[in-house]
């Protein structure tokens, strides 16, 4: 019961942090769109924010599924940066199928993680 309470508390704080980050980013982008601030660096490097969130999720992962989600966010950030900057001649138009592959891999890892957790729980019963 105590584990559930601790897990539930962690989930609530994660939602607060995610919400505050989104509000902050939305505010920055809105101020930039209204011309109140100049954010050239933000325009180029905003995928780094996604990478930082992914790294945090990867480091705090309690199972393979959560680690896969963090790794996906890091991949997504790299893909966005490469596509925005058109590095190596790559663009959104030429590389979008990579996102489908990455989402598929994330789901497979999540499914395998759930099955391994079921085996562990069955063994403990």
PDB file of N, CA and C in Angstrom:
ATOM      1  N   UNK A   1       0.820  -1.189   0.000  1.00  0.00           N
ATOM      2  CA  UNK A   1       0.000   0.000   0.000  1.00  0.00           C
ATOM      3  C   UNK A   1       0.866   1.255   0.000  1.00  0.00           C
ATOM      4  N   UNK A   2       1.964   1.177   0.755  1.00  0.00           N
ATOM      5  CA  UNK A   2       2.864   2.323   0.835  1.00  0.00           C
ATOM      6  C   UNK A   2       3.532   2.587  -0.515  1.00  0.00           C
ATOM      7  N   UNK A   3       3.851   1.500  -1.243  1.00  0.00           N
ATOM      8  CA  UNK A   3       4.439   1.659  -2.574  1.00  0.00           C
ATOM      9  C   UNK A   3       3.485   2.370  -3.517  1.00  0.00           C
ATOM     10  N   UNK A   4       2.197   2.031  -3.432  1.00  0.00           N
ATOM     11  CA  UNK A   4       1.197   2.682  -4.279  1.00  0.00           C
ATOM     12  C   UNK A   4       1.135   4.177  -3.991  1.00  0.00           C
ATOM     13  N   UNK A   5       1.128   4.535  -2.706  1.00  0.00           N
ATOM     14  CA  UNK A   5       1.059   5.951  -2.326  1.00  0.00           C
ATOM     15  C   UNK A   5       2.294   6.698  -2.824  1.00  0.00           C
ATOM     16  N   UNK A   6       3.449   6.075  -2.680  1.00  0.00           N
ATOM     17  CA  UNK A   6       4.690   6.714  -3.135  1.00  0.00           C
ATOM     18  C   UNK A   6       4.681   6.871  -4.656  1.00  0.00           C
ATOM     19  N   UNK A   7       4.219   5.826  -5.368  1.00  0.00           N
ATOM     20  CA  UNK A   7       4.143   5.868  -6.832  1.00  0.00           C
ATOM     21  C   UNK A   7       3.136   6.931  -7.277  1.00  0.00           C
ATOM     22  N   UNK A   8       1.989   6.996  -6.622  1.00  0.00           N
ATOM     23  CA  UNK A   8       0.957   7.977  -6.963  1.00  0.00           C
ATOM     24  C   UNK A   8       1.462   9.399  -6.728  1.00  0.00           C
ATOM     25  N   UNK A   9       2.180   9.620  -5.637  1.00  0.00           N
ATOM     26  CA  UNK A   9       2.741  10.946  -5.337  1.00  0.00           C
ATOM     27  C   UNK A   9       3.753  11.351  -6.410  1.00  0.00           C
ATOM     28  N   UNK A  10       4.584  10.408  -6.832  1.00  0.00           N
ATOM     29  CA  UNK A  10       5.584  10.681  -7.863  1.00  0.00           C
ATOM     30  C   UNK A  10       4.909  11.039  -9.179  1.00  0.00           C
ATOM     31  N   UNK A  11       3.821  10.320  -9.535  1.00  0.00           N
ATOM     32  CA  UNK A  11       3.090  10.623 -10.762  1.00  0.00           C
ATOM     33  C   UNK A  11       2.484  12.014 -10.711  1.00  0.00           C
ATOM     34  N   UNK A  12       1.918  12.397  -9.557  1.00  0.00           N
ATOM     35  CA  UNK A  12       1.325  13.736  -9.425  1.00  0.00           C
ATOM     36  C   UNK A  12       2.378  14.817  -9.594  1.00  0.00           C
ATOM     37  N   UNK A  13       3.540  14.643  -8.968  1.00  0.00           N
ATOM     38  CA  UNK A  13       4.581  15.666  -9.091  1.00  0.00           C
ATOM     39  C   UNK A  13       5.101  15.732 -10.523  1.00  0.00           C
ATOM     40  N   UNK A  14       5.145  14.596 -11.198  1.00  0.00           N
ATOM     41  CA  UNK A  14       5.588  14.572 -12.595  1.00  0.00           C
ATOM     42  C   UNK A  14       4.621  15.378 -13.467  1.00  0.00           C
ATOM     43  N   UNK A  15       3.322  15.256 -13.195  1.00  0.00           N
ATOM     44  CA  UNK A  15       2.329  16.022 -13.954  1.00  0.00           C
ATOM     45  C   UNK A  15       2.490  17.520 -13.705  1.00  0.00           C
ATOM     46  N   UNK A  16       2.749  17.900 -12.471  1.00  0.00           N
ATOM     47  CA  UNK A  16       2.958  19.318 -12.151  1.00  0.00           C
ATOM     48  C   UNK A  16       4.163  19.863 -12.903  1.00  0.00           C
ATOM     49  N   UNK A  17       5.260  19.129 -12.869  1.00  0.00           N
ATOM     50  CA  UNK A  17       6.487  19.588 -13.537  1.00  0.00           C
ATOM     51  C   UNK A  17       6.246  19.696 -15.037  1.00  0.00           C
ATOM     52  N   UNK A  18       5.633  18.682 -15.626  1.00  0.00           N
ATOM     53  CA  UNK A  18       5.360  18.711 -17.066  1.00  0.00           C
ATOM     54  C   UNK A  18       4.448  19.884 -17.415  1.00  0.00           C
ATOM     55  N   UNK A  19       3.435  20.103 -16.600  1.00  0.00           N
ATOM     56  CA  UNK A  19       2.525  21.216 -16.839  1.00  0.00           C
ATOM     57  C   UNK A  19       3.216  22.560 -16.767  1.00  0.00           C
ATOM     58  N   UNK A  20       4.057  22.741 -15.767  1.00  0.00           N
ATOM     59  CA  UNK A  20       4.782  24.004 -15.627  1.00  0.00           C
ATOM     60  C   UNK A  20       5.754  24.232 -16.782  1.00  0.00           C
ATOM     61  N   UNK A  21       6.401  23.165 -17.221  1.00  0.00           N
ATOM     62  CA  UNK A  21       7.317  23.284 -18.369  1.00  0.00           C
ATOM     63  C   UNK A  21       6.537  23.707 -19.615  1.00  0.00           C
ATOM     64  N   UNK A  22       5.402  23.073 -19.855  1.00  0.00           N
ATOM     65  CA  UNK A  22       4.595  23.423 -21.034  1.00  0.00           C
ATOM     66  C   UNK A  22       4.079  24.852 -20.959  1.00  0.00           C
ATOM     67  N   UNK A  23       3.643  25.278 -19.786  1.00  0.00           N
ATOM     68  CA  UNK A  23       3.176  26.665 -19.626  1.00  0.00           C
ATOM     69  C   UNK A  23       4.321  27.641 -19.888  1.00  0.00           C
ATOM     70  N   UNK A  24       5.504  27.347 -19.361  1.00  0.00           N
ATOM     71  CA  UNK A  24       6.667  28.209 -19.578  1.00  0.00           C
ATOM     72  C   UNK A  24       7.045  28.291 -21.044  1.00  0.00           C
ATOM     73  N   UNK A  25       7.073  27.141 -21.716  1.00  0.00           N
ATOM     74  CA  UNK A  25       7.402  27.130 -23.142  1.00  0.00           C
ATOM     75  C   UNK A  25       6.348  27.877 -23.953  1.00  0.00           C
ATOM     76  N   UNK A  26       5.091  27.640 -23.635  1.00  0.00           N
ATOM     77  CA  UNK A  26       4.019  28.343 -24.342  1.00  0.00           C
ATOM     78  C   UNK A  26       4.121  29.843 -24.166  1.00  0.00           C
ATOM     79  N   UNK A  27       4.460  30.266 -22.952  1.00  0.00           N
ATOM     80  CA  UNK A  27       4.627  31.695 -22.685  1.00  0.00           C
ATOM     81  C   UNK A  27       5.784  32.271 -23.497  1.00  0.00           C
ATOM     82  N   UNK A  28       6.910  31.560 -23.520  1.00  0.00           N
ATOM     83  CA  UNK A  28       8.056  32.026 -24.312  1.00  0.00           C
ATOM     84  C   UNK A  28       7.705  32.152 -25.792  1.00  0.00           C
ATOM     85  N   UNK A  29       7.079  31.110 -26.339  1.00  0.00           N
ATOM     86  CA  UNK A  29       6.719  31.142 -27.753  1.00  0.00           C
ATOM     87  C   UNK A  29       5.697  32.248 -28.049  1.00  0.00           C
ATOM     88  N   UNK A  30       4.741  32.450 -27.148  1.00  0.00           N
ATOM     89  CA  UNK A  30       3.737  33.501 -27.349  1.00  0.00           C
ATOM     90  C   UNK A  30       4.387  34.886 -27.327  1.00  0.00           C
ATOM     91  N   UNK A  31       5.282  35.120 -26.359  1.00  0.00           N
ATOM     92  CA  UNK A  31       5.980  36.405 -26.287  1.00  0.00           C
ATOM     93  C   UNK A  31       6.837  36.631 -27.537  1.00  0.00           C
ATOM     94  N   UNK A  32       7.432  35.554 -28.034  1.00  0.00           N
ATOM     95  CA  UNK A  32       8.246  35.659 -29.254  1.00  0.00           C
ATOM     96  C   UNK A  32       7.358  35.997 -30.443  1.00  0.00           C
ATOM     97  N   UNK A  33       6.206  35.349 -30.543  1.00  0.00           N
ATOM     98  CA  UNK A  33       5.276  35.607 -31.651  1.00  0.00           C
ATOM     99  C   UNK A  33       4.718  37.021 -31.611  1.00  0.00           C
ATOM    100  N   UNK A  34       4.529  37.564 -30.414  1.00  0.00           N
ATOM    101  CA  UNK A  34       4.007  38.927 -30.265  1.00  0.00           C
ATOM    102  C   UNK A  34       5.099  39.979 -30.440  1.00  0.00           C
ATOM    103  N   UNK A  35       6.346  39.549 -30.584  1.00  0.00           N
ATOM    104  CA  UNK A  35       7.452  40.470 -30.781  1.00  0.00           C
ATOM    105  C   UNK A  35       7.983  41.077 -29.494  1.00  0.00           C
ATOM    106  N   UNK A  36       7.567  40.549 -28.350  1.00  0.00           N
ATOM    107  CA  UNK A  36       8.015  41.095 -27.067  1.00  0.00           C
ATOM    108  C   UNK A  36       9.445  40.671 -26.746  1.00  0.00           C
ATOM    109  N   UNK A  37       9.860  39.513 -27.239  1.00  0.00           N
ATOM    110  CA  UNK A  37      11.234  39.046 -27.030  1.00  0.00           C
ATOM    111  C   UNK A  37      11.759  38.452 -28.328  1.00  0.00           C
ATOM    112  N   UNK A  38      13.055  38.451 -28.477  1.00  0.00           N
ATOM    113  CA  UNK A  38      13.711  37.867 -29.646  1.00  0.00           C
ATOM    114  C   UNK A  38      14.356  36.556 -29.210  1.00  0.00           C
ATOM    115  N   UNK A  39      13.988  35.486 -29.871  1.00  0.00           N
ATOM    116  CA  UNK A  39      14.461  34.173 -29.439  1.00  0.00           C
ATOM    117  C   UNK A  39      15.031  33.361 -30.601  1.00  0.00           C
ATOM    118  N   UNK A  40      15.991  33.888 -31.285  1.00  0.00           N
ATOM    119  CA  UNK A  40      16.594  33.141 -32.384  1.00  0.00           C
ATOM    120  C   UNK A  40      17.179  31.815 -31.917  1.00  0.00           C
ATOM    121  N   UNK A  41      17.843  31.839 -30.778  1.00  0.00           N
ATOM    122  CA  UNK A  41      18.426  30.604 -30.257  1.00  0.00           C
ATOM    123  C   UNK A  41      17.332  29.606 -29.896  1.00  0.00           C
ATOM    124  N   UNK A  42      16.236  30.096 -29.339  1.00  0.00           N
ATOM    125  CA  UNK A  42      15.141  29.209 -28.980  1.00  0.00           C
ATOM    126  C   UNK A  42      14.566  28.537 -30.222  1.00  0.00           C
ATOM    127  N   UNK A  43      14.470  29.277 -31.291  1.00  0.00           N
ATOM    128  CA  UNK A  43      13.946  28.720 -32.541  1.00  0.00           C
ATOM    129  C   UNK A  43      14.814  27.584 -33.061  1.00  0.00           C
ATOM    130  N   UNK A  44      16.102  27.709 -32.911  1.00  0.00           N
ATOM    131  CA  UNK A  44      17.013  26.696 -33.427  1.00  0.00           C
ATOM    132  C   UNK A  44      17.180  25.513 -32.488  1.00  0.00           C
ATOM    133  N   UNK A  45      17.161  25.761 -31.210  1.00  0.00           N
ATOM    134  CA  UNK A  45      17.558  24.728 -30.252  1.00  0.00           C
ATOM    135  C   UNK A  45      16.436  24.214 -29.361  1.00  0.00           C
ATOM    136  N   UNK A  46      15.167  24.538 -29.648  1.00  0.00           N
ATOM    137  CA  UNK A  46      14.083  24.076 -28.793  1.00  0.00           C
ATOM    138  C   UNK A  46      13.984  22.565 -28.699  1.00  0.00           C
ATOM    139  N   UNK A  47      14.426  21.767 -29.688  1.00  0.00           N
ATOM    140  CA  UNK A  47      14.390  20.314 -29.483  1.00  0.00           C
ATOM    141  C   UNK A  47      15.261  19.858 -28.306  1.00  0.00           C
ATOM    142  N   UNK A  48      16.223  20.682 -27.930  1.00  0.00           N
ATOM    143  CA  UNK A  48      17.051  20.343 -26.770  1.00  0.00           C
ATOM    144  C   UNK A  48      16.236  20.219 -25.494  1.00  0.00           C
ATOM    145  N   UNK A  49      15.164  20.976 -25.403  1.00  0.00           N
ATOM    146  CA  UNK A  49      14.284  20.894 -24.231  1.00  0.00           C
ATOM    147  C   UNK A  49      13.652  19.505 -24.171  1.00  0.00           C
ATOM    148  N   UNK A  50      13.227  19.003 -25.320  1.00  0.00           N
ATOM    149  CA  UNK A  50      12.651  17.658 -25.380  1.00  0.00           C
ATOM    150  C   UNK A  50      13.704  16.620 -24.997  1.00  0.00           C
ATOM    151  N   UNK A  51      14.937  16.820 -25.455  1.00  0.00           N
ATOM    152  CA  UNK A  51      16.018  15.891 -25.123  1.00  0.00           C
ATOM    153  C   UNK A  51      16.291  15.886 -23.624  1.00  0.00           C
ATOM    154  N   UNK A  52      16.241  17.037 -22.989  1.00  0.00           N
ATOM    155  CA  UNK A  52      16.473  17.116 -21.545  1.00  0.00           C
ATOM    156  C   UNK A  52      15.365  16.377 -20.793  1.00  0.00           C
ATOM    157  N   UNK A  53      14.126  16.565 -21.208  1.00  0.00           N
ATOM    158  CA  UNK A  53      13.008  15.851 -20.581  1.00  0.00           C
ATOM    159  C   UNK A  53      13.185  14.346 -20.780  1.00  0.00           C
ATOM    160  N   UNK A  54      13.577  13.940 -21.977  1.00  0.00           N
ATOM    161  CA  UNK A  54      13.801  12.518 -22.255  1.00  0.00           C
ATOM    162  C   UNK A  54      14.929  11.945 -21.417  1.00  0.00           C
ATOM    163  N   UNK A  55      16.004  12.706 -21.267  1.00  0.00           N
ATOM    164  CA  UNK A  55      17.126  12.235 -20.446  1.00  0.00           C
ATOM    165  C   UNK A  55      16.696  12.083 -18.990  1.00  0.00           C
ATOM    166  N   UNK A  56      15.901  13.038 -18.504  1.00  0.00           N
ATOM    167  CA  UNK A  56      15.389  12.928 -17.138  1.00  0.00           C
ATOM    168  C   UNK A  56      14.517  11.702 -16.967  1.00  0.00           C
ATOM    169  N   UNK A  57      13.665  11.450 -17.951  1.00  0.00           N
ATOM    170  CA  UNK A  57      12.797  10.284 -17.895  1.00  0.00           C
ATOM    171  C   UNK A  57      13.618   8.995 -17.984  1.00  0.00           C
ATOM    172  N   UNK A  58      14.643   8.993 -18.808  1.00  0.00           N
ATOM    173  CA  UNK A  58      15.494   7.823 -18.953  1.00  0.00           C
ATOM    174  C   UNK A  58      16.247   7.529 -17.655  1.00  0.00           C
ATOM    175  N   UNK A  59      16.757   8.567 -17.026  1.00  0.00           N
ATOM    176  CA  UNK A  59      17.490   8.385 -15.779  1.00  0.00           C
ATOM    177  C   UNK A  59      16.591   7.965 -14.619  1.00  0.00           C
ATOM    178  N   UNK A  60      15.330   8.397 -14.641  1.00  0.00           N
ATOM    179  CA  UNK A  60      14.403   8.075 -13.555  1.00  0.00           C
ATOM    180  C   UNK A  60      13.570   6.830 -13.844  1.00  0.00           C
ATOM    181  N   UNK A  61      13.820   6.167 -14.954  1.00  0.00           N
ATOM    182  CA  UNK A  61      13.005   5.023 -15.361  1.00  0.00           C
ATOM    183  C   UNK A  61      13.072   3.893 -14.336  1.00  0.00           C
ATOM    184  N   UNK A  62      11.889   3.319 -14.053  1.00  0.00           N
ATOM    185  CA  UNK A  62      11.802   2.196 -13.122  1.00  0.00           C
ATOM    186  C   UNK A  62      11.694   0.871 -13.862  1.00  0.00           C
ATOM    187  N   UNK A  63      11.446   0.932 -15.166  1.00  0.00           N
ATOM    188  CA  UNK A  63      11.361  -0.294 -15.960  1.00  0.00           C
ATOM    189  C   UNK A  63      11.745   0.019 -17.411  1.00  0.00           C
ATOM    190  N   UNK A  64      11.775  -1.021 -18.212  1.00  0.00           N
ATOM    191  CA  UNK A  64      12.209  -0.870 -19.600  1.00  0.00           C
ATOM    192  C   UNK A  64      11.253   0.000 -20.413  1.00  0.00           C
ATOM    193  N   UNK A  65       9.960  -0.067 -20.095  1.00  0.00           N
ATOM    194  CA  UNK A  65       8.989   0.734 -20.843  1.00  0.00           C
ATOM    195  C   UNK A  65       9.233   2.222 -20.631  1.00  0.00           C
ATOM    196  N   UNK A  66       9.494   2.623 -19.398  1.00  0.00           N
ATOM    197  CA  UNK A  66       9.772   4.033 -19.125  1.00  0.00           C
ATOM    198  C   UNK A  66      11.100   4.452 -19.740  1.00  0.00           C
ATOM    199  N   UNK A  67      12.076   3.569 -19.721  1.00  0.00           N
ATOM    200  CA  UNK A  67      13.364   3.872 -20.352  1.00  0.00           C
ATOM    201  C   UNK A  67      13.181   4.046 -21.857  1.00  0.00           C
ATOM    202  N   UNK A  68      12.327   3.209 -22.456  1.00  0.00           N
ATOM    203  CA  UNK A  68      12.067   3.317 -23.890  1.00  0.00           C
ATOM    204  C   UNK A  68      11.396   4.650 -24.225  1.00  0.00           C
ATOM    205  N   UNK A  69      10.487   5.101 -23.367  1.00  0.00           N
ATOM    206  CA  UNK A  69       9.834   6.393 -23.601  1.00  0.00           C
ATOM    207  C   UNK A  69      10.842   7.537 -23.516  1.00  0.00           C
ATOM    208  N   UNK A  70      11.744   7.477 -22.549  1.00  0.00           N
ATOM    209  CA  UNK A  70      12.783   8.495 -22.445  1.00  0.00           C
ATOM    210  C   UNK A  70      13.700   8.477 -23.659  1.00  0.00           C
ATOM    211  N   UNK A  71      14.077   7.272 -24.084  1.00  0.00           N
ATOM    212  CA  UNK A  71      14.936   7.146 -25.265  1.00  0.00           C
ATOM    213  C   UNK A  71      14.220   7.664 -26.509  1.00  0.00           C
ATOM    214  N   UNK A  72      12.905   7.413 -26.594  1.00  0.00           N
ATOM    215  CA  UNK A  72      12.140   7.928 -27.728  1.00  0.00           C
ATOM    216  C   UNK A  72      12.156   9.452 -27.755  1.00  0.00           C
ATOM    217  N   UNK A  73      11.994  10.087 -26.594  1.00  0.00           N
ATOM    218  CA  UNK A  73      12.022  11.551 -26.553  1.00  0.00           C
ATOM    219  C   UNK A  73      13.376  12.087 -26.994  1.00  0.00           C
ATOM    220  N   UNK A  74      14.446  11.421 -26.601  1.00  0.00           N
ATOM    221  CA  UNK A  74      15.785  11.842 -27.033  1.00  0.00           C
ATOM    222  C   UNK A  74      15.915  11.684 -28.545  1.00  0.00           C
ATOM    223  N   UNK A  75      15.442  10.541 -29.061  1.00  0.00           N
ATOM    224  CA  UNK A  75      15.468  10.331 -30.509  1.00  0.00           C
ATOM    225  C   UNK A  75      14.644  11.395 -31.226  1.00  0.00           C
ATOM    226  N   UNK A  76      13.442  11.675 -30.705  1.00  0.00           N
ATOM    227  CA  UNK A  76      12.569  12.683 -31.307  1.00  0.00           C
ATOM    228  C   UNK A  76      13.262  14.041 -31.354  1.00  0.00           C
ATOM    229  N   UNK A  77      13.913  14.413 -30.270  1.00  0.00           N
ATOM    230  CA  UNK A  77      14.623  15.694 -30.224  1.00  0.00           C
ATOM    231  C   UNK A  77      15.734  15.741 -31.268  1.00  0.00           C
ATOM    232  N   UNK A  78      16.483  14.664 -31.379  1.00  0.00           N
ATOM    233  CA  UNK A  78      17.561  14.618 -32.381  1.00  0.00           C
ATOM    234  C   UNK A  78      16.986  14.702 -33.789  1.00  0.00           C
ATOM    235  N   UNK A  79      15.906  13.962 -34.032  1.00  0.00           N
ATOM    236  CA  UNK A  79      15.272  13.982 -35.349  1.00  0.00           C
ATOM    237  C   UNK A  79      14.770  15.379 -35.690  1.00  0.00           C
ATOM    238  N   UNK A  80      14.128  16.037 -34.729  1.00  0.00           N
ATOM    239  CA  UNK A  80      13.638  17.397 -34.966  1.00  0.00           C
ATOM    240  C   UNK A  80      14.786  18.349 -35.285  1.00  0.00           C
ATOM    241  N   UNK A  81      15.859  18.279 -34.500  1.00  0.00           N
ATOM    242  CA  UNK A  81      16.991  19.175 -34.723  1.00  0.00           C
ATOM    243  C   UNK A  81      17.613  18.949 -36.103  1.00  0.00           C
ATOM    244  N   UNK A  82      17.842  17.683 -36.440  1.00  0.00           N
ATOM    245  CA  UNK A  82      18.440  17.363 -37.738  1.00  0.00           C
ATOM    246  C   UNK A  82      17.536  17.842 -38.870  1.00  0.00           C
ATOM    247  N   UNK A  83      16.225  17.636 -38.725  1.00  0.00           N
ATOM    248  CA  UNK A  83      15.294  18.041 -39.779  1.00  0.00           C
ATOM    249  C   UNK A  83      15.168  19.558 -39.894  1.00  0.00           C
ATOM    250  N   UNK A  84      15.134  20.239 -38.754  1.00  0.00           N
ATOM    251  CA  UNK A  84      15.038  21.706 -38.773  1.00  0.00           C
ATOM    252  C   UNK A  84      16.285  22.310 -39.409  1.00  0.00           C
ATOM    253  N   UNK A  85      17.448  21.793 -39.040  1.00  0.00           N
ATOM    254  CA  UNK A  85      18.713  22.332 -39.540  1.00  0.00           C
ATOM    255  C   UNK A  85      19.087  21.774 -40.915  1.00  0.00           C
ATOM    256  N   UNK A  86      18.333  20.771 -41.362  1.00  0.00           N
ATOM    257  CA  UNK A  86      18.608  20.090 -42.633  1.00  0.00           C
ATOM    258  C   UNK A  86      20.043  19.569 -42.694  1.00  0.00           C
ATOM    259  N   UNK A  87      20.461  18.978 -41.582  1.00  0.00           N
ATOM    260  CA  UNK A  87      21.794  18.390 -41.524  1.00  0.00           C
ATOM    261  C   UNK A  87      21.863  17.181 -42.447  1.00  0.00           C
ATOM    262  N   UNK A  88      22.984  16.997 -43.103  1.00  0.00           N
ATOM    263  CA  UNK A  88      23.241  15.880 -44.002  1.00  0.00           C
ATOM    264  C   UNK A  88      22.188  15.777 -45.104  1.00  0.00           C
ATOM    265  N   UNK A  89      21.539  16.902 -45.399  1.00  0.00           N
ATOM    266  CA  UNK A  89      20.519  16.918 -46.440  1.00  0.00           C
ATOM    267  C   UNK A  89      19.193  16.296 -46.027  1.00  0.00           C
ATOM    268  N   UNK A  90      19.029  16.005 -44.739  1.00  0.00           N
ATOM    269  CA  UNK A  90      17.802  15.381 -44.253  1.00  0.00           C
ATOM    270  C   UNK A  90      16.766  16.438 -43.910  1.00  0.00           C
ATOM    271  N   UNK A  91      15.496  16.099 -44.117  1.00  0.00           N
ATOM    272  CA  UNK A  91      14.406  17.025 -43.819  1.00  0.00           C
ATOM    273  C   UNK A  91      13.231  16.227 -43.246  1.00  0.00           C
ATOM    274  N   UNK A  92      12.202  16.944 -42.817  1.00  0.00           N
ATOM    275  CA  UNK A  92      10.996  16.284 -42.327  1.00  0.00           C
ATOM    276  C   UNK A  92      10.412  15.382 -43.413  1.00  0.00           C
ATOM    277  N   UNK A  93      10.392  15.908 -44.619  1.00  0.00           N
ATOM    278  CA  UNK A  93       9.783  15.200 -45.733  1.00  0.00           C
ATOM    279  C   UNK A  93      10.480  13.871 -46.033  1.00  0.00           C
ATOM    280  N   UNK A  94      11.790  13.829 -45.883  1.00  0.00           N
ATOM    281  CA  UNK A  94      12.518  12.604 -46.229  1.00  0.00           C
ATOM    282  C   UNK A  94      12.677  11.642 -45.059  1.00  0.00           C
ATOM    283  N   UNK A  95      12.478  12.103 -43.843  1.00  0.00           N
ATOM    284  CA  UNK A  95      12.780  11.244 -42.691  1.00  0.00           C
ATOM    285  C   UNK A  95      11.594  10.913 -41.799  1.00  0.00           C
ATOM    286  N   UNK A  96      10.387  11.367 -42.120  1.00  0.00           N
ATOM    287  CA  UNK A  96       9.258  11.132 -41.229  1.00  0.00           C
ATOM    288  C   UNK A  96       8.988   9.655 -40.949  1.00  0.00           C
ATOM    289  N   UNK A  97       9.288   8.714 -41.850  1.00  0.00           N
ATOM    290  CA  UNK A  97       9.054   7.301 -41.519  1.00  0.00           C
ATOM    291  C   UNK A  97       9.891   6.818 -40.309  1.00  0.00           C
ATOM    292  N   UNK A  98      10.980   7.515 -40.024  1.00  0.00           N
ATOM    293  CA  UNK A  98      11.791   7.143 -38.865  1.00  0.00           C
ATOM    294  C   UNK A  98      10.986   7.253 -37.575  1.00  0.00           C
ATOM    295  N   UNK A  99      10.059   8.196 -37.512  1.00  0.00           N
ATOM    296  CA  UNK A  99       9.217   8.361 -36.322  1.00  0.00           C
ATOM    297  C   UNK A  99       8.307   7.148 -36.164  1.00  0.00           C
ATOM    298  N   UNK A 100       7.741   6.651 -37.256  1.00  0.00           N
ATOM    299  CA  UNK A 100       6.905   5.460 -37.181  1.00  0.00           C
ATOM    300  C   UNK A 100       7.696   4.264 -36.656  1.00  0.00           C
ATOM    301  N   UNK A 101       8.918   4.116 -37.133  1.00  0.00           N
ATOM    302  CA  UNK A 101       9.776   3.015 -36.673  1.00  0.00           C
ATOM    303  C   UNK A 101      10.076   3.167 -35.188  1.00  0.00           C
ATOM    304  N   UNK A 102      10.412   4.379 -34.764  1.00  0.00           N
ATOM    305  CA  UNK A 102      10.748   4.622 -33.358  1.00  0.00           C
ATOM    306  C   UNK A 102       9.542   4.391 -32.449  1.00  0.00           C
ATOM    307  N   UNK A 103       8.361   4.817 -32.872  1.00  0.00           N
ATOM    308  CA  UNK A 103       7.151   4.585 -32.068  1.00  0.00           C
ATOM    309  C   UNK A 103       6.881   3.086 -31.977  1.00  0.00           C
ATOM    310  N   UNK A 104       7.036   2.390 -33.078  1.00  0.00           N
ATOM    311  CA  UNK A 104       6.844   0.937 -33.070  1.00  0.00           C
ATOM    312  C   UNK A 104       7.797   0.239 -32.122  1.00  0.00           C
ATOM    313  N   UNK A 105       9.065   0.619 -32.155  1.00  0.00           N
ATOM    314  CA  UNK A 105      10.050   0.033 -31.238  1.00  0.00           C
ATOM    315  C   UNK A 105       9.712   0.334 -29.783  1.00  0.00           C
ATOM    316  N   UNK A 106       9.250   1.550 -29.519  1.00  0.00           N
ATOM    317  CA  UNK A 106       8.867   1.926 -28.160  1.00  0.00           C
ATOM    318  C   UNK A 106       7.722   1.047 -27.666  1.00  0.00           C
ATOM    319  N   UNK A 107       6.746   0.790 -28.529  1.00  0.00           N
ATOM    320  CA  UNK A 107       5.621  -0.071 -28.151  1.00  0.00           C
ATOM    321  C   UNK A 107       6.067  -1.512 -27.924  1.00  0.00           C
ATOM    322  N   UNK A 108       6.969  -2.018 -28.747  1.00  0.00           N
ATOM    323  CA  UNK A 108       7.466  -3.382 -28.572  1.00  0.00           C
ATOM    324  C   UNK A 108       8.197  -3.519 -27.241  1.00  0.00           C
ATOM    325  N   UNK A 109       9.073  -2.574 -26.934  1.00  0.00           N
ATOM    326  CA  UNK A 109       9.796  -2.617 -25.663  1.00  0.00           C
ATOM    327  C   UNK A 109       8.821  -2.528 -24.495  1.00  0.00           C
ATOM    328  N   UNK A 110       7.815  -1.664 -24.606  1.00  0.00           N
ATOM    329  CA  UNK A 110       6.810  -1.558 -23.552  1.00  0.00           C
ATOM    330  C   UNK A 110       6.056  -2.859 -23.359  1.00  0.00           C
ATOM    331  N   UNK A 111       5.698  -3.509 -24.447  1.00  0.00           N
ATOM    332  CA  UNK A 111       5.003  -4.793 -24.367  1.00  0.00           C
ATOM    333  C   UNK A 111       5.867  -5.876 -23.761  1.00  0.00           C
ATOM    334  N   UNK A 112       7.126  -5.932 -24.171  1.00  0.00           N
ATOM    335  CA  UNK A 112       8.042  -6.923 -23.603  1.00  0.00           C
ATOM    336  C   UNK A 112       8.272  -6.668 -22.120  1.00  0.00           C
ATOM    337  N   UNK A 113       8.341  -5.411 -21.745  1.00  0.00           N
ATOM    338  CA  UNK A 113       8.537  -5.050 -20.342  1.00  0.00           C
ATOM    339  C   UNK A 113       7.340  -5.490 -19.507  1.00  0.00           C
ATOM    340  N   UNK A 114       6.138  -5.290 -20.036  1.00  0.00           N
ATOM    341  CA  UNK A 114       4.924  -5.686 -19.311  1.00  0.00           C
ATOM    342  C   UNK A 114       4.875  -7.200 -19.140  1.00  0.00           C
ATOM    343  N   UNK A 115       5.273  -7.948 -20.174  1.00  0.00           N
ATOM    344  CA  UNK A 115       5.276  -9.408 -20.076  1.00  0.00           C
ATOM    345  C   UNK A 115       6.283  -9.889 -19.040  1.00  0.00           C
ATOM    346  N   UNK A 116       7.467  -9.269 -19.008  1.00  0.00           N
ATOM    347  CA  UNK A 116       8.469  -9.692 -18.034  1.00  0.00           C
ATOM    348  C   UNK A 116       8.022  -9.361 -16.620  1.00  0.00           C
ATOM    349  N   UNK A 117       7.301  -8.256 -16.433  1.00  0.00           N
ATOM    350  CA  UNK A 117       6.761  -7.903 -15.109  1.00  0.00           C
ATOM    351  C   UNK A 117       5.698  -8.906 -14.689  1.00  0.00           C
ATOM    352  N   UNK A 118       4.870  -9.376 -15.640  1.00  0.00           N
ATOM    353  CA  UNK A 118       3.858 -10.387 -15.330  1.00  0.00           C
ATOM    354  C   UNK A 118       4.513 -11.681 -14.863  1.00  0.00           C
ATOM    355  N   UNK A 119       5.614 -12.083 -15.521  1.00  0.00           N
ATOM    356  CA  UNK A 119       6.317 -13.290 -15.118  1.00  0.00           C
ATOM    357  C   UNK A 119       6.886 -13.150 -13.714  1.00  0.00           C
ATOM    358  N   UNK A 120       7.424 -11.982 -13.402  1.00  0.00           N
ATOM    359  CA  UNK A 120       7.985 -11.755 -12.085  1.00  0.00           C
ATOM    360  C   UNK A 120       6.881 -11.827 -11.034  1.00  0.00           C
ATOM    361  N   UNK A 121       5.725 -11.200 -11.304  1.00  0.00           N
ATOM    362  CA  UNK A 121       4.619 -11.216 -10.356  1.00  0.00           C
ATOM    363  C   UNK A 121       4.063 -12.626 -10.172  1.00  0.00           C
ATOM    364  N   UNK A 122       3.990 -13.409 -11.259  1.00  0.00           N
ATOM    365  CA  UNK A 122       3.506 -14.793 -11.163  1.00  0.00           C
ATOM    366  C   UNK A 122       4.466 -15.626 -10.329  1.00  0.00           C
ATOM    367  N   UNK A 123       5.736 -15.380 -10.474  1.00  0.00           N
ATOM    368  CA  UNK A 123       6.734 -16.132  -9.705  1.00  0.00           C
ATOM    369  C   UNK A 123       6.690 -15.820  -8.233  1.00  0.00           C
ATOM    370  N   UNK A 124       6.271 -14.611  -7.879  1.00  0.00           N
ATOM    371  CA  UNK A 124       6.208 -14.201  -6.471  1.00  0.00           C
ATOM    372  C   UNK A 124       4.938 -14.704  -5.810  1.00  0.00           C
ATOM    373  N   UNK A 125       3.892 -14.983  -6.594  1.00  0.00           N
ATOM    374  CA  UNK A 125       2.612 -15.415  -6.012  1.00  0.00           C
ATOM    375  C   UNK A 125       2.670 -16.818  -5.494  1.00  0.00           C
TER     376      UNK A 125
END
